[in-house]
Amino acid sequence: MTRFLTAIRRRFVPRRNTSYSAYRTGRKVLKRLSWVLIAVGFMVLSASRLSAQSGTTYRDGPRLTCASDDGNRHYCAADTRYGVRMVNQRSDAPCRQGYSWGYDRRGIWVDRGCRADFIVRIPAYAPGPGYPPGGPPPPVNNVITCSSQNGGRQFCPANTRYGVRLVRQRSDAPCRSGYSWGFDQRGIWVDRGCRADFALGR
């Protein structure tokens, strides 16, 4: 940077044996160029800092911090086959599943300034769009977890012959029967960001 400014000074600032007006003009040009270079350098450093703070910023086993400090969508690589749970919001911007965070087969995504801690679950239940992919272990105590990933409707095959009841809501989005979850003869459906544990049988 110093060499660059020196070269500019030699180019634009006349020697003192030239006219005084030309010397003053050269000094003004150099001063303006210096401010422009400082501003550009500041913007580059700021952009680099934001980029470095976005994405995965911390990882410890199944727990990781994923950040959208620049307000854009970022992916944090993770094994999401068995589900993901947000455990601590760190940003002032809201972190709501399906709105500013979610997950798919590629990992966890954050958006709109969300920065939070997440835990990757192991294991969960299986197959169907609302379940993580993989082989299905049997439901624990007839309780399964069904998730509306990315805010869309998902279906979790289950034996609903004896009824279904919601026993624990896991999402920030509301889980209300007939609105964001329900069941039929095929299984349980969830929608609008609902993620919850459901007991088979009343």
C-alpha atoms as a PDB file:
ATOM      1  CA  MET A   1       0.000   0.000   0.000  1.00  0.00           C
ATOM      2  CA  THR A   2       2.844   2.408   0.824  1.00  0.00           C
ATOM      3  CA  ARG A   3       4.567   1.761  -2.501  1.00  0.00           C
ATOM      4  CA  PHE A   4       1.280   2.265  -4.312  1.00  0.00           C
ATOM      5  CA  LEU A   5       0.662   5.641  -2.655  1.00  0.00           C
ATOM      6  CA  THR A   6       4.241   6.686  -3.394  1.00  0.00           C
ATOM      7  CA  ALA A   7       3.769   5.855  -7.072  1.00  0.00           C
ATOM      8  CA  ILE A   8       0.535   7.830  -7.171  1.00  0.00           C
ATOM      9  CA  ARG A   9       2.214  10.761  -5.476  1.00  0.00           C
ATOM     10  CA  ARG A  10       4.973  10.823  -8.062  1.00  0.00           C
ATOM     11  CA  ARG A  11       2.375  10.651 -10.806  1.00  0.00           C
ATOM     12  CA  PHE A  12      -0.041  13.306  -9.608  1.00  0.00           C
ATOM     13  CA  VAL A  13       1.902  15.610  -7.296  1.00  0.00           C
ATOM     14  CA  PRO A  14       4.233  17.958  -9.225  1.00  0.00           C
ATOM     15  CA  ARG A  15       7.636  18.785  -7.826  1.00  0.00           C
ATOM     16  CA  ARG A  16       7.935  21.936  -5.775  1.00  0.00           C
ATOM     17  CA  ASN A  17       9.708  23.776  -8.594  1.00  0.00           C
ATOM     18  CA  THR A  18       6.484  23.732 -10.633  1.00  0.00           C
ATOM     19  CA  SER A  19       3.771  26.358 -10.248  1.00  0.00           C
ATOM     20  CA  TYR A  20       2.138  26.627  -6.841  1.00  0.00           C
ATOM     21  CA  SER A  21      -1.375  26.087  -8.261  1.00  0.00           C
ATOM     22  CA  ALA A  22      -0.312  22.866  -9.977  1.00  0.00           C
ATOM     23  CA  TYR A  23       1.309  21.677  -6.754  1.00  0.00           C
ATOM     24  CA  ARG A  24      -1.865  22.325  -4.748  1.00  0.00           C
ATOM     25  CA  THR A  25      -4.014  20.551  -7.355  1.00  0.00           C
ATOM     26  CA  GLY A  26      -1.783  17.501  -7.209  1.00  0.00           C
ATOM     27  CA  ARG A  27      -1.974  17.409  -3.420  1.00  0.00           C
ATOM     28  CA  LYS A  28      -5.785  17.501  -3.532  1.00  0.00           C
ATOM     29  CA  VAL A  29      -5.906  14.640  -6.028  1.00  0.00           C
ATOM     30  CA  LEU A  30      -3.588  12.563  -3.849  1.00  0.00           C
ATOM     31  CA  LYS A  31      -5.656  13.252  -0.741  1.00  0.00           C
ATOM     32  CA  ARG A  32      -8.873  12.206  -2.444  1.00  0.00           C
ATOM     33  CA  LEU A  33      -7.307   9.030  -3.813  1.00  0.00           C
ATOM     34  CA  SER A  34      -6.004   8.167  -0.356  1.00  0.00           C
ATOM     35  CA  TRP A  35      -9.509   8.416   1.137  1.00  0.00           C
ATOM     36  CA  VAL A  36     -10.935   6.287  -1.671  1.00  0.00           C
ATOM     37  CA  LEU A  37      -8.316   3.584  -1.087  1.00  0.00           C
ATOM     38  CA  ILE A  38      -8.953   3.600   2.667  1.00  0.00           C
ATOM     39  CA  ALA A  39     -12.719   3.232   2.108  1.00  0.00           C
ATOM     40  CA  VAL A  40     -12.247   0.377  -0.355  1.00  0.00           C
ATOM     41  CA  GLY A  41      -9.881  -1.408   2.030  1.00  0.00           C
ATOM     42  CA  PHE A  42     -12.384  -1.062   4.871  1.00  0.00           C
ATOM     43  CA  MET A  43     -15.198  -2.531   2.758  1.00  0.00           C
ATOM     44  CA  VAL A  44     -13.053  -5.482   1.691  1.00  0.00           C
ATOM     45  CA  LEU A  45     -12.065  -6.232   5.288  1.00  0.00           C
ATOM     46  CA  SER A  46     -15.690  -5.948   6.451  1.00  0.00           C
ATOM     47  CA  ALA A  47     -16.900  -8.298   3.732  1.00  0.00           C
ATOM     48  CA  SER A  48     -14.172 -10.818   4.588  1.00  0.00           C
ATOM     49  CA  ARG A  49     -15.066 -10.640   8.267  1.00  0.00           C
ATOM     50  CA  LEU A  50     -18.768 -11.255   7.594  1.00  0.00           C
ATOM     51  CA  SER A  51     -17.984 -14.124   5.274  1.00  0.00           C
ATOM     52  CA  ALA A  52     -15.692 -15.703   7.826  1.00  0.00           C
ATOM     53  CA  GLN A  53     -18.366 -15.478  10.529  1.00  0.00           C
ATOM     54  CA  SER A  54     -21.084 -17.081   8.404  1.00  0.00           C
ATOM     55  CA  GLY A  55     -21.638 -20.800   8.067  1.00  0.00           C
ATOM     56  CA  THR A  56     -20.263 -23.201  10.670  1.00  0.00           C
ATOM     57  CA  THR A  57     -18.509 -21.210  13.399  1.00  0.00           C
ATOM     58  CA  TYR A  58     -18.266 -23.900  16.108  1.00  0.00           C
ATOM     59  CA  ARG A  59     -18.577 -27.680  16.264  1.00  0.00           C
ATOM     60  CA  ASP A  60     -18.335 -30.135  19.145  1.00  0.00           C
ATOM     61  CA  GLY A  61     -19.631 -33.606  18.372  1.00  0.00           C
ATOM     62  CA  PRO A  62     -23.377 -33.438  17.627  1.00  0.00           C
ATOM     63  CA  ARG A  63     -23.549 -29.765  18.647  1.00  0.00           C
ATOM     64  CA  LEU A  64     -22.670 -26.969  16.246  1.00  0.00           C
ATOM     65  CA  THR A  65     -23.189 -23.242  15.712  1.00  0.00           C
ATOM     66  CA  CYS A  66     -24.479 -22.138  12.332  1.00  0.00           C
ATOM     67  CA  ALA A  67     -24.587 -18.431  11.403  1.00  0.00           C
ATOM     68  CA  SER A  68     -26.021 -16.084   8.813  1.00  0.00           C
ATOM     69  CA  ASP A  69     -24.181 -13.001  10.045  1.00  0.00           C
ATOM     70  CA  ASP A  70     -24.303 -11.382   6.608  1.00  0.00           C
ATOM     71  CA  GLY A  71     -28.072 -11.905   6.288  1.00  0.00           C
ATOM     72  CA  ASN A  72     -27.725 -14.475   3.486  1.00  0.00           C
ATOM     73  CA  ARG A  73     -28.462 -18.201   3.395  1.00  0.00           C
ATOM     74  CA  HIS A  74     -25.609 -20.464   4.467  1.00  0.00           C
ATOM     75  CA  TYR A  75     -25.317 -24.218   4.814  1.00  0.00           C
ATOM     76  CA  CYS A  76     -23.550 -25.999   7.651  1.00  0.00           C
ATOM     77  CA  ALA A  77     -22.639 -29.561   6.753  1.00  0.00           C
ATOM     78  CA  ALA A  78     -24.170 -32.066   9.178  1.00  0.00           C
ATOM     79  CA  ASP A  79     -25.635 -35.559   9.284  1.00  0.00           C
ATOM     80  CA  THR A  80     -29.317 -34.683   9.554  1.00  0.00           C
ATOM     81  CA  ARG A  81     -30.718 -38.192   8.966  1.00  0.00           C
ATOM     82  CA  TYR A  82     -32.177 -38.376  12.448  1.00  0.00           C
ATOM     83  CA  GLY A  83     -33.331 -34.771  12.792  1.00  0.00           C
ATOM     84  CA  VAL A  84     -32.015 -31.489  14.148  1.00  0.00           C
ATOM     85  CA  ARG A  85     -33.014 -29.391  17.152  1.00  0.00           C
ATOM     86  CA  MET A  86     -32.202 -25.740  17.836  1.00  0.00           C
ATOM     87  CA  VAL A  87     -31.074 -25.373  21.456  1.00  0.00           C
ATOM     88  CA  ASN A  88     -29.865 -21.763  21.738  1.00  0.00           C
ATOM     89  CA  GLN A  89     -30.483 -18.648  19.648  1.00  0.00           C
ATOM     90  CA  ARG A  90     -27.461 -16.311  19.594  1.00  0.00           C
ATOM     91  CA  SER A  91     -28.610 -13.632  17.143  1.00  0.00           C
ATOM     92  CA  ASP A  92     -30.918 -10.670  17.631  1.00  0.00           C
ATOM     93  CA  ALA A  93     -32.598 -11.682  14.368  1.00  0.00           C
ATOM     94  CA  PRO A  94     -35.290 -14.336  14.924  1.00  0.00           C
ATOM     95  CA  CYS A  95     -34.466 -17.998  14.300  1.00  0.00           C
ATOM     96  CA  ARG A  96     -37.697 -19.731  13.305  1.00  0.00           C
ATOM     97  CA  GLN A  97     -37.763 -23.149  11.699  1.00  0.00           C
ATOM     98  CA  GLY A  98     -38.898 -22.983   8.096  1.00  0.00           C
ATOM     99  CA  TYR A  99     -38.346 -19.214   7.996  1.00  0.00           C
ATOM    100  CA  SER A 100     -34.737 -18.508   8.945  1.00  0.00           C
ATOM    101  CA  TRP A 101     -33.437 -22.005   9.633  1.00  0.00           C
ATOM    102  CA  GLY A 102     -34.079 -25.558   8.573  1.00  0.00           C
ATOM    103  CA  TYR A 103     -32.327 -28.677   7.370  1.00  0.00           C
ATOM    104  CA  ASP A 104     -32.254 -31.189   4.544  1.00  0.00           C
ATOM    105  CA  ARG A 105     -29.962 -33.953   3.360  1.00  0.00           C
ATOM    106  CA  ARG A 106     -27.110 -31.505   2.752  1.00  0.00           C
ATOM    107  CA  GLY A 107     -27.094 -30.166   6.308  1.00  0.00           C
ATOM    108  CA  ILE A 108     -28.476 -27.253   8.334  1.00  0.00           C
ATOM    109  CA  TRP A 109     -29.282 -23.948   6.650  1.00  0.00           C
ATOM    110  CA  VAL A 110     -29.628 -20.518   8.245  1.00  0.00           C
ATOM    111  CA  ASP A 111     -30.874 -17.287   6.688  1.00  0.00           C
ATOM    112  CA  ARG A 112     -31.991 -13.705   7.437  1.00  0.00           C
ATOM    113  CA  GLY A 113     -29.348 -13.106  10.120  1.00  0.00           C
ATOM    114  CA  CYS A 114     -30.126 -16.166  12.239  1.00  0.00           C
ATOM    115  CA  ARG A 115     -27.230 -17.459  14.369  1.00  0.00           C
ATOM    116  CA  ALA A 116     -27.908 -20.368  16.707  1.00  0.00           C
ATOM    117  CA  ASP A 117     -26.671 -23.573  18.304  1.00  0.00           C
ATOM    118  CA  PHE A 118     -28.081 -26.831  16.968  1.00  0.00           C
ATOM    119  CA  ILE A 119     -27.917 -30.449  18.069  1.00  0.00           C
ATOM    120  CA  VAL A 120     -27.981 -33.241  15.513  1.00  0.00           C
ATOM    121  CA  ARG A 121     -30.171 -36.066  16.781  1.00  0.00           C
ATOM    122  CA  ILE A 122     -29.141 -39.715  16.976  1.00  0.00           C
ATOM    123  CA  PRO A 123     -31.078 -41.809  16.271  1.00  0.00           C
ATOM    124  CA  ALA A 124     -34.626 -41.094  15.154  1.00  0.00           C
ATOM    125  CA  TYR A 125     -37.360 -42.825  13.260  1.00  0.00           C
ATOM    126  CA  ALA A 126     -37.806 -43.663   9.667  1.00  0.00           C
ATOM    127  CA  PRO A 127     -39.051 -43.834   6.412  1.00  0.00           C
ATOM    128  CA  GLY A 128     -41.244 -41.310   4.664  1.00  0.00           C
ATOM    129  CA  PRO A 129     -40.772 -37.622   3.805  1.00  0.00           C
ATOM    130  CA  GLY A 130     -41.370 -36.496   7.381  1.00  0.00           C
ATOM    131  CA  TYR A 131     -38.818 -38.943   8.744  1.00  0.00           C
ATOM    132  CA  PRO A 132     -35.074 -38.750   8.277  1.00  0.00           C
ATOM    133  CA  PRO A 133     -33.872 -41.243   5.659  1.00  0.00           C
ATOM    134  CA  GLY A 134     -32.475 -44.592   6.744  1.00  0.00           C
ATOM    135  CA  GLY A 135     -33.666 -47.849   8.162  1.00  0.00           C
ATOM    136  CA  PRO A 136     -36.541 -47.576  10.644  1.00  0.00           C
ATOM    137  CA  PRO A 137     -35.935 -48.662  14.209  1.00  0.00           C
ATOM    138  CA  PRO A 138     -39.264 -49.339  15.949  1.00  0.00           C
ATOM    139  CA  PRO A 139     -40.958 -46.415  17.707  1.00  0.00           C
ATOM    140  CA  VAL A 140     -39.848 -45.964  21.302  1.00  0.00           C
ATOM    141  CA  ASN A 141     -42.849 -46.582  23.562  1.00  0.00           C
ATOM    142  CA  ASN A 142     -45.055 -46.069  20.479  1.00  0.00           C
ATOM    143  CA  VAL A 143     -43.807 -42.459  20.155  1.00  0.00           C
ATOM    144  CA  ILE A 144     -42.521 -41.122  16.828  1.00  0.00           C
ATOM    145  CA  THR A 145     -41.230 -37.724  15.711  1.00  0.00           C
ATOM    146  CA  CYS A 146     -42.645 -36.152  12.563  1.00  0.00           C
ATOM    147  CA  SER A 147     -41.260 -32.929  11.053  1.00  0.00           C
ATOM    148  CA  SER A 148     -42.446 -30.355   8.513  1.00  0.00           C
ATOM    149  CA  GLN A 149     -39.077 -29.534   6.984  1.00  0.00           C
ATOM    150  CA  ASN A 150     -38.853 -26.153   5.245  1.00  0.00           C
ATOM    151  CA  GLY A 151     -42.433 -25.359   6.232  1.00  0.00           C
ATOM    152  CA  GLY A 152     -44.064 -27.788   3.777  1.00  0.00           C
ATOM    153  CA  ARG A 153     -46.442 -30.691   4.360  1.00  0.00           C
ATOM    154  CA  GLN A 154     -44.742 -33.987   5.162  1.00  0.00           C
ATOM    155  CA  PHE A 155     -46.157 -37.444   5.764  1.00  0.00           C
ATOM    156  CA  CYS A 156     -44.947 -40.014   8.292  1.00  0.00           C
ATOM    157  CA  PRO A 157     -46.313 -43.534   7.767  1.00  0.00           C
ATOM    158  CA  ALA A 158     -47.591 -45.024  11.021  1.00  0.00           C
ATOM    159  CA  ASN A 159     -50.165 -47.409  12.426  1.00  0.00           C
ATOM    160  CA  THR A 160     -52.881 -44.984  13.467  1.00  0.00           C
ATOM    161  CA  ARG A 161     -55.601 -47.611  13.992  1.00  0.00           C
ATOM    162  CA  TYR A 162     -55.940 -46.775  17.673  1.00  0.00           C
ATOM    163  CA  GLY A 163     -55.546 -43.033  17.334  1.00  0.00           C
ATOM    164  CA  VAL A 164     -52.731 -40.497  17.685  1.00  0.00           C
ATOM    165  CA  ARG A 165     -52.001 -37.774  20.214  1.00  0.00           C
ATOM    166  CA  LEU A 166     -49.357 -35.081  20.338  1.00  0.00           C
ATOM    167  CA  VAL A 167     -47.160 -35.508  23.388  1.00  0.00           C
ATOM    168  CA  ARG A 168     -44.390 -32.944  22.789  1.00  0.00           C
ATOM    169  CA  GLN A 169     -44.014 -29.997  20.443  1.00  0.00           C
ATOM    170  CA  ARG A 170     -40.392 -29.498  19.311  1.00  0.00           C
ATOM    171  CA  SER A 171     -40.772 -26.643  16.821  1.00  0.00           C
ATOM    172  CA  ASP A 172     -41.192 -22.927  17.415  1.00  0.00           C
ATOM    173  CA  ALA A 173     -44.028 -23.016  14.874  1.00  0.00           C
ATOM    174  CA  PRO A 174     -47.377 -24.010  16.446  1.00  0.00           C
ATOM    175  CA  CYS A 175     -48.594 -27.612  16.178  1.00  0.00           C
ATOM    176  CA  ARG A 176     -52.407 -27.571  16.183  1.00  0.00           C
ATOM    177  CA  SER A 177     -54.567 -30.538  15.247  1.00  0.00           C
ATOM    178  CA  GLY A 178     -56.306 -30.013  11.920  1.00  0.00           C
ATOM    179  CA  TYR A 179     -54.166 -26.938  11.157  1.00  0.00           C
ATOM    180  CA  SER A 180     -50.521 -28.031  11.166  1.00  0.00           C
ATOM    181  CA  TRP A 181     -50.850 -31.729  12.009  1.00  0.00           C
ATOM    182  CA  GLY A 182     -53.300 -34.588  11.701  1.00  0.00           C
ATOM    183  CA  PHE A 183     -53.567 -38.270  10.778  1.00  0.00           C
ATOM    184  CA  ASP A 184     -55.478 -40.707   8.634  1.00  0.00           C
ATOM    185  CA  GLN A 185     -55.339 -44.429   7.898  1.00  0.00           C
ATOM    186  CA  ARG A 186     -51.940 -44.057   6.212  1.00  0.00           C
ATOM    187  CA  GLY A 187     -50.154 -42.238   9.009  1.00  0.00           C
ATOM    188  CA  ILE A 188     -49.426 -38.758  10.458  1.00  0.00           C
ATOM    189  CA  TRP A 189     -49.055 -35.536   8.482  1.00  0.00           C
ATOM    190  CA  VAL A 190     -47.417 -32.280   9.604  1.00  0.00           C
ATOM    191  CA  ASP A 191     -47.374 -28.846   7.942  1.00  0.00           C
ATOM    192  CA  ARG A 192     -46.419 -25.156   8.406  1.00  0.00           C
ATOM    193  CA  GLY A 193     -43.159 -25.889  10.258  1.00  0.00           C
ATOM    194  CA  CYS A 194     -44.663 -28.163  12.911  1.00  0.00           C
ATOM    195  CA  ARG A 195     -42.277 -30.707  14.436  1.00  0.00           C
ATOM    196  CA  ALA A 196     -43.480 -32.832  17.289  1.00  0.00           C
ATOM    197  CA  ASP A 197     -43.517 -36.211  19.056  1.00  0.00           C
ATOM    198  CA  PHE A 198     -46.688 -38.220  18.600  1.00  0.00           C
ATOM    199  CA  ALA A 199     -47.929 -41.222  20.601  1.00  0.00           C
ATOM    200  CA  LEU A 200     -49.670 -44.012  18.743  1.00  0.00           C
ATOM    201  CA  GLY A 201     -52.801 -45.125  20.562  1.00  0.00           C
ATOM    202  CA  ARG A 202     -54.858 -43.096  22.981  1.00  0.00           C
END
